[in-house]
Amino acid sequence: MESFGWTILQTPIGPLLLAETERGLVNVRFHAHDAEYHAHRLAERLALRPVRGGLREATAQLSAYFAADLTAFALPLDWRLTSGFNERVLRLLLTRVGYGQVTGYGELARWTGDPGASRAVGTAMGANPLPVVVPCHRVVTATGDIGGFGGGLDAKRALLALEGVLPAPLF
């Protein structure tokens, strides 16, 4: 049986579970306090054996990002945990919205060719298996509110502040 590597990365927004297959980074999970449990659940979804360790390049790049020393990731990605419309939206987001930029759910929907799909775009953001690397934190509402975020609104604010979109919190 093939395996995948996983590790925990301590970050300013809390511990992240990182998982990588031979194809590339496959999952980034927030609030990785029960990592063993989540690694085994991921193993069931992927039909792969979990092996703790590895991910040197992913941890190095994410650490550099959180230290404000990296503005674009150069990691191979394994997209197998998403498909169809969700995958298309996430790939568009990854290629069109850079560090320090934001876009709206409606704009992403227009890029897909379906301008009425704002809610579906929101669903795709919520189902993003690679948050931070595929920057769903850069998607905001039409009114400029920060919207929702799977990692929590404090984490989204922190990521947007790191990228200079929002002022850094005072406390």
C-alpha atoms as a PDB file:
ATOM      1  CA  MET A   1       0.000   0.000   0.000  1.00  0.00           C
ATOM      2  CA  GLU A   2       1.280   3.453  -0.881  1.00  0.00           C
ATOM      3  CA  SER A   3       1.779   5.946   1.900  1.00  0.00           C
ATOM      4  CA  PHE A   4       1.585   9.661   2.513  1.00  0.00           C
ATOM      5  CA  GLY A   5       3.652  11.773   4.863  1.00  0.00           C
ATOM      6  CA  TRP A   6       2.197  14.096   7.449  1.00  0.00           C
ATOM      7  CA  THR A   7       3.456  16.481  10.063  1.00  0.00           C
ATOM      8  CA  ILE A   8       2.322  19.277  12.347  1.00  0.00           C
ATOM      9  CA  LEU A   9       3.572  22.810  11.775  1.00  0.00           C
ATOM     10  CA  GLN A  10       3.228  25.284  14.624  1.00  0.00           C
ATOM     11  CA  THR A  11       2.211  28.663  13.192  1.00  0.00           C
ATOM     12  CA  PRO A  12       1.012  32.038  14.477  1.00  0.00           C
ATOM     13  CA  ILE A  13      -2.551  30.966  13.591  1.00  0.00           C
ATOM     14  CA  GLY A  14      -2.280  27.643  15.412  1.00  0.00           C
ATOM     15  CA  PRO A  15      -1.040  24.172  14.525  1.00  0.00           C
ATOM     16  CA  LEU A  16      -1.507  23.043  10.931  1.00  0.00           C
ATOM     17  CA  LEU A  17      -1.622  19.417   9.839  1.00  0.00           C
ATOM     18  CA  LEU A  18       0.253  19.075   6.548  1.00  0.00           C
ATOM     19  CA  ALA A  19      -0.077  15.974   4.383  1.00  0.00           C
ATOM     20  CA  GLU A  20       1.831  15.104   1.227  1.00  0.00           C
ATOM     21  CA  THR A  21       1.634  12.287  -1.310  1.00  0.00           C
ATOM     22  CA  GLU A  22       4.108  11.433  -4.041  1.00  0.00           C
ATOM     23  CA  ARG A  23       2.202  13.939  -6.239  1.00  0.00           C
ATOM     24  CA  GLY A  24       2.556  16.854  -3.814  1.00  0.00           C
ATOM     25  CA  LEU A  25       0.929  18.607  -0.882  1.00  0.00           C
ATOM     26  CA  VAL A  26      -2.569  17.131  -0.544  1.00  0.00           C
ATOM     27  CA  ASN A  27      -3.997  18.656   2.623  1.00  0.00           C
ATOM     28  CA  VAL A  28      -3.538  21.536   5.037  1.00  0.00           C
ATOM     29  CA  ARG A  29      -5.785  21.337   8.070  1.00  0.00           C
ATOM     30  CA  PHE A  30      -6.365  24.016  10.688  1.00  0.00           C
ATOM     31  CA  HIS A  31      -6.635  23.339  14.426  1.00  0.00           C
ATOM     32  CA  ALA A  32      -4.481  20.214  14.237  1.00  0.00           C
ATOM     33  CA  HIS A  33      -4.706  19.423  17.931  1.00  0.00           C
ATOM     34  CA  ASP A  34      -5.767  15.792  17.332  1.00  0.00           C
ATOM     35  CA  ALA A  35      -3.407  15.179  14.432  1.00  0.00           C
ATOM     36  CA  GLU A  36      -3.200  11.381  14.705  1.00  0.00           C
ATOM     37  CA  TYR A  37      -6.963  11.107  14.403  1.00  0.00           C
ATOM     38  CA  HIS A  38      -7.104  13.456  11.393  1.00  0.00           C
ATOM     39  CA  ALA A  39      -4.158  11.735   9.700  1.00  0.00           C
ATOM     40  CA  HIS A  40      -5.947   8.389   9.977  1.00  0.00           C
ATOM     41  CA  ARG A  41      -9.233   9.857   8.663  1.00  0.00           C
ATOM     42  CA  LEU A  42      -7.297  11.318   5.733  1.00  0.00           C
ATOM     43  CA  ALA A  43      -5.709   7.900   5.159  1.00  0.00           C
ATOM     44  CA  GLU A  44      -9.189   6.418   4.792  1.00  0.00           C
ATOM     45  CA  ARG A  45     -10.178   9.085   2.234  1.00  0.00           C
ATOM     46  CA  LEU A  46      -6.962   8.656   0.241  1.00  0.00           C
ATOM     47  CA  ALA A  47      -6.723   4.864   0.661  1.00  0.00           C
ATOM     48  CA  LEU A  48      -3.086   5.402   1.613  1.00  0.00           C
ATOM     49  CA  ARG A  49      -1.058   4.530   4.701  1.00  0.00           C
ATOM     50  CA  PRO A  50      -0.110   7.520   6.899  1.00  0.00           C
ATOM     51  CA  VAL A  51       3.566   7.906   7.848  1.00  0.00           C
ATOM     52  CA  ARG A  52       4.521  10.698  10.208  1.00  0.00           C
ATOM     53  CA  GLY A  53       7.404  12.836   8.986  1.00  0.00           C
ATOM     54  CA  GLY A  54       8.822  14.334   5.851  1.00  0.00           C
ATOM     55  CA  LEU A  55       7.387  17.457   4.227  1.00  0.00           C
ATOM     56  CA  ARG A  56      10.640  19.391   4.554  1.00  0.00           C
ATOM     57  CA  GLU A  57       9.937  21.686   1.613  1.00  0.00           C
ATOM     58  CA  ALA A  58       6.316  22.338   2.580  1.00  0.00           C
ATOM     59  CA  THR A  59       7.234  23.140   6.181  1.00  0.00           C
ATOM     60  CA  ALA A  60      10.134  25.335   5.046  1.00  0.00           C
ATOM     61  CA  GLN A  61       7.958  27.316   2.634  1.00  0.00           C
ATOM     62  CA  LEU A  62       5.056  27.716   5.061  1.00  0.00           C
ATOM     63  CA  SER A  63       7.449  28.770   7.826  1.00  0.00           C
ATOM     64  CA  ALA A  64       8.987  31.353   5.472  1.00  0.00           C
ATOM     65  CA  TYR A  65       5.489  32.591   4.554  1.00  0.00           C
ATOM     66  CA  PHE A  66       4.540  33.066   8.214  1.00  0.00           C
ATOM     67  CA  ALA A  67       7.859  34.884   8.796  1.00  0.00           C
ATOM     68  CA  ALA A  68       6.926  37.264   5.920  1.00  0.00           C
ATOM     69  CA  ASP A  69       9.897  35.993   3.901  1.00  0.00           C
ATOM     70  CA  LEU A  70       7.885  34.252   1.139  1.00  0.00           C
ATOM     71  CA  THR A  71       5.090  35.662  -0.981  1.00  0.00           C
ATOM     72  CA  ALA A  72       4.475  32.807  -3.423  1.00  0.00           C
ATOM     73  CA  PHE A  73       4.566  29.072  -2.830  1.00  0.00           C
ATOM     74  CA  ALA A  74       6.425  26.803  -5.229  1.00  0.00           C
ATOM     75  CA  LEU A  75       5.086  23.456  -4.076  1.00  0.00           C
ATOM     76  CA  PRO A  76       3.701  20.625  -6.164  1.00  0.00           C
ATOM     77  CA  LEU A  77       0.044  20.132  -5.252  1.00  0.00           C
ATOM     78  CA  ASP A  78      -2.035  16.969  -5.249  1.00  0.00           C
ATOM     79  CA  TRP A  79      -5.602  18.013  -6.131  1.00  0.00           C
ATOM     80  CA  ARG A  80      -7.267  14.627  -5.491  1.00  0.00           C
ATOM     81  CA  LEU A  81      -9.366  15.903  -2.547  1.00  0.00           C
ATOM     82  CA  THR A  82     -11.297  18.264  -4.810  1.00  0.00           C
ATOM     83  CA  SER A  83     -12.829  18.043  -8.264  1.00  0.00           C
ATOM     84  CA  GLY A  84     -15.206  19.654 -10.731  1.00  0.00           C
ATOM     85  CA  PHE A  85     -16.340  23.211 -10.090  1.00  0.00           C
ATOM     86  CA  ASN A  86     -14.554  23.407  -6.731  1.00  0.00           C
ATOM     87  CA  GLU A  87     -11.214  22.450  -8.250  1.00  0.00           C
ATOM     88  CA  ARG A  88     -11.682  24.888 -11.132  1.00  0.00           C
ATOM     89  CA  VAL A  89     -12.430  27.761  -8.730  1.00  0.00           C
ATOM     90  CA  LEU A  90      -9.473  26.910  -6.486  1.00  0.00           C
ATOM     91  CA  ARG A  91      -7.076  26.735  -9.439  1.00  0.00           C
ATOM     92  CA  LEU A  92      -8.324  30.114 -10.685  1.00  0.00           C
ATOM     93  CA  LEU A  93      -7.844  31.593  -7.231  1.00  0.00           C
ATOM     94  CA  LEU A  94      -4.312  30.202  -7.017  1.00  0.00           C
ATOM     95  CA  THR A  95      -3.255  31.627 -10.374  1.00  0.00           C
ATOM     96  CA  ARG A  96      -5.084  34.980 -10.349  1.00  0.00           C
ATOM     97  CA  VAL A  97      -4.990  36.334  -6.797  1.00  0.00           C
ATOM     98  CA  GLY A  98      -1.498  37.010  -5.511  1.00  0.00           C
ATOM     99  CA  TYR A  99      -0.002  37.874  -2.162  1.00  0.00           C
ATOM    100  CA  GLY A 100      -1.468  41.067  -0.730  1.00  0.00           C
ATOM    101  CA  GLN A 101      -4.468  41.016  -3.071  1.00  0.00           C
ATOM    102  CA  VAL A 102      -8.105  40.149  -2.461  1.00  0.00           C
ATOM    103  CA  THR A 103     -11.006  39.299  -4.709  1.00  0.00           C
ATOM    104  CA  GLY A 104     -14.711  38.767  -4.225  1.00  0.00           C
ATOM    105  CA  TYR A 105     -16.832  35.647  -4.425  1.00  0.00           C
ATOM    106  CA  GLY A 106     -18.697  37.244  -7.348  1.00  0.00           C
ATOM    107  CA  GLU A 107     -15.487  38.021  -9.227  1.00  0.00           C
ATOM    108  CA  LEU A 108     -14.350  34.417  -8.885  1.00  0.00           C
ATOM    109  CA  ALA A 109     -17.747  33.293 -10.139  1.00  0.00           C
ATOM    110  CA  ARG A 110     -17.347  35.547 -13.199  1.00  0.00           C
ATOM    111  CA  TRP A 111     -13.917  34.056 -13.875  1.00  0.00           C
ATOM    112  CA  THR A 112     -15.522  30.608 -14.044  1.00  0.00           C
ATOM    113  CA  GLY A 113     -17.938  31.865 -16.678  1.00  0.00           C
ATOM    114  CA  ASP A 114     -20.902  31.535 -14.317  1.00  0.00           C
ATOM    115  CA  PRO A 115     -21.486  34.974 -12.762  1.00  0.00           C
ATOM    116  CA  GLY A 116     -24.425  33.700 -10.706  1.00  0.00           C
ATOM    117  CA  ALA A 117     -22.323  31.128  -8.877  1.00  0.00           C
ATOM    118  CA  SER A 118     -21.158  33.273  -5.933  1.00  0.00           C
ATOM    119  CA  ARG A 119     -22.617  30.869  -3.369  1.00  0.00           C
ATOM    120  CA  ALA A 120     -21.019  27.905  -5.108  1.00  0.00           C
ATOM    121  CA  VAL A 121     -17.701  29.769  -4.964  1.00  0.00           C
ATOM    122  CA  GLY A 122     -18.225  30.192  -1.216  1.00  0.00           C
ATOM    123  CA  THR A 123     -18.836  26.464  -0.928  1.00  0.00           C
ATOM    124  CA  ALA A 124     -15.626  25.789  -2.858  1.00  0.00           C
ATOM    125  CA  MET A 125     -13.683  28.064  -0.501  1.00  0.00           C
ATOM    126  CA  GLY A 126     -15.101  26.224   2.502  1.00  0.00           C
ATOM    127  CA  ALA A 127     -14.109  22.878   0.999  1.00  0.00           C
ATOM    128  CA  ASN A 128     -10.553  23.954   0.079  1.00  0.00           C
ATOM    129  CA  PRO A 129      -8.252  21.064   1.051  1.00  0.00           C
ATOM    130  CA  LEU A 130      -5.156  23.294   0.759  1.00  0.00           C
ATOM    131  CA  PRO A 131      -5.902  26.532   2.644  1.00  0.00           C
ATOM    132  CA  VAL A 132      -3.131  29.101   3.035  1.00  0.00           C
ATOM    133  CA  VAL A 133      -1.272  27.600   0.043  1.00  0.00           C
ATOM    134  CA  VAL A 134      -4.394  27.910  -2.125  1.00  0.00           C
ATOM    135  CA  PRO A 135      -5.308  31.285  -0.631  1.00  0.00           C
ATOM    136  CA  CYS A 136      -9.023  31.177   0.156  1.00  0.00           C
ATOM    137  CA  HIS A 137      -8.289  33.749   2.867  1.00  0.00           C
ATOM    138  CA  ARG A 138      -7.943  36.288   0.010  1.00  0.00           C
ATOM    139  CA  VAL A 139     -11.639  36.037  -0.914  1.00  0.00           C
ATOM    140  CA  VAL A 140     -13.948  38.665   0.588  1.00  0.00           C
ATOM    141  CA  THR A 141     -17.587  39.674   0.230  1.00  0.00           C
ATOM    142  CA  ALA A 142     -18.922  42.158  -2.319  1.00  0.00           C
ATOM    143  CA  THR A 143     -19.234  44.748   0.460  1.00  0.00           C
ATOM    144  CA  GLY A 144     -15.604  44.324   1.483  1.00  0.00           C
ATOM    145  CA  ASP A 145     -16.318  42.339   4.656  1.00  0.00           C
ATOM    146  CA  ILE A 146     -13.861  39.518   5.180  1.00  0.00           C
ATOM    147  CA  GLY A 147     -16.570  36.835   4.979  1.00  0.00           C
ATOM    148  CA  GLY A 148     -16.094  33.390   6.485  1.00  0.00           C
ATOM    149  CA  PHE A 149     -13.073  31.148   6.848  1.00  0.00           C
ATOM    150  CA  GLY A 150     -12.596  27.511   7.796  1.00  0.00           C
ATOM    151  CA  GLY A 151      -9.679  28.395  10.045  1.00  0.00           C
ATOM    152  CA  GLY A 152     -11.733  31.003  11.895  1.00  0.00           C
ATOM    153  CA  LEU A 153     -12.069  34.730  11.390  1.00  0.00           C
ATOM    154  CA  ASP A 154      -9.113  35.542  13.659  1.00  0.00           C
ATOM    155  CA  ALA A 155      -6.891  33.379  11.451  1.00  0.00           C
ATOM    156  CA  LYS A 156      -8.232  35.047   8.288  1.00  0.00           C
ATOM    157  CA  ARG A 157      -7.585  38.502   9.765  1.00  0.00           C
ATOM    158  CA  ALA A 158      -4.058  37.435  10.762  1.00  0.00           C
ATOM    159  CA  LEU A 159      -3.298  36.100   7.263  1.00  0.00           C
ATOM    160  CA  LEU A 160      -4.639  39.255   5.604  1.00  0.00           C
ATOM    161  CA  ALA A 161      -2.633  41.388   8.051  1.00  0.00           C
ATOM    162  CA  LEU A 162       0.509  39.348   7.316  1.00  0.00           C
ATOM    163  CA  GLU A 163      -0.005  40.120   3.621  1.00  0.00           C
ATOM    164  CA  GLY A 164      -0.594  43.815   4.298  1.00  0.00           C
ATOM    165  CA  VAL A 165      -4.274  43.829   3.329  1.00  0.00           C
ATOM    166  CA  LEU A 166      -5.441  44.610   6.868  1.00  0.00           C
ATOM    167  CA  PRO A 167      -3.594  46.444   9.621  1.00  0.00           C
ATOM    168  CA  ALA A 168      -1.880  44.186  12.119  1.00  0.00           C
ATOM    169  CA  PRO A 169      -3.860  43.679  15.326  1.00  0.00           C
ATOM    170  CA  LEU A 170      -2.694  45.895  18.170  1.00  0.00           C
ATOM    171  CA  PHE A 171      -2.980  43.117  20.739  1.00  0.00           C
END
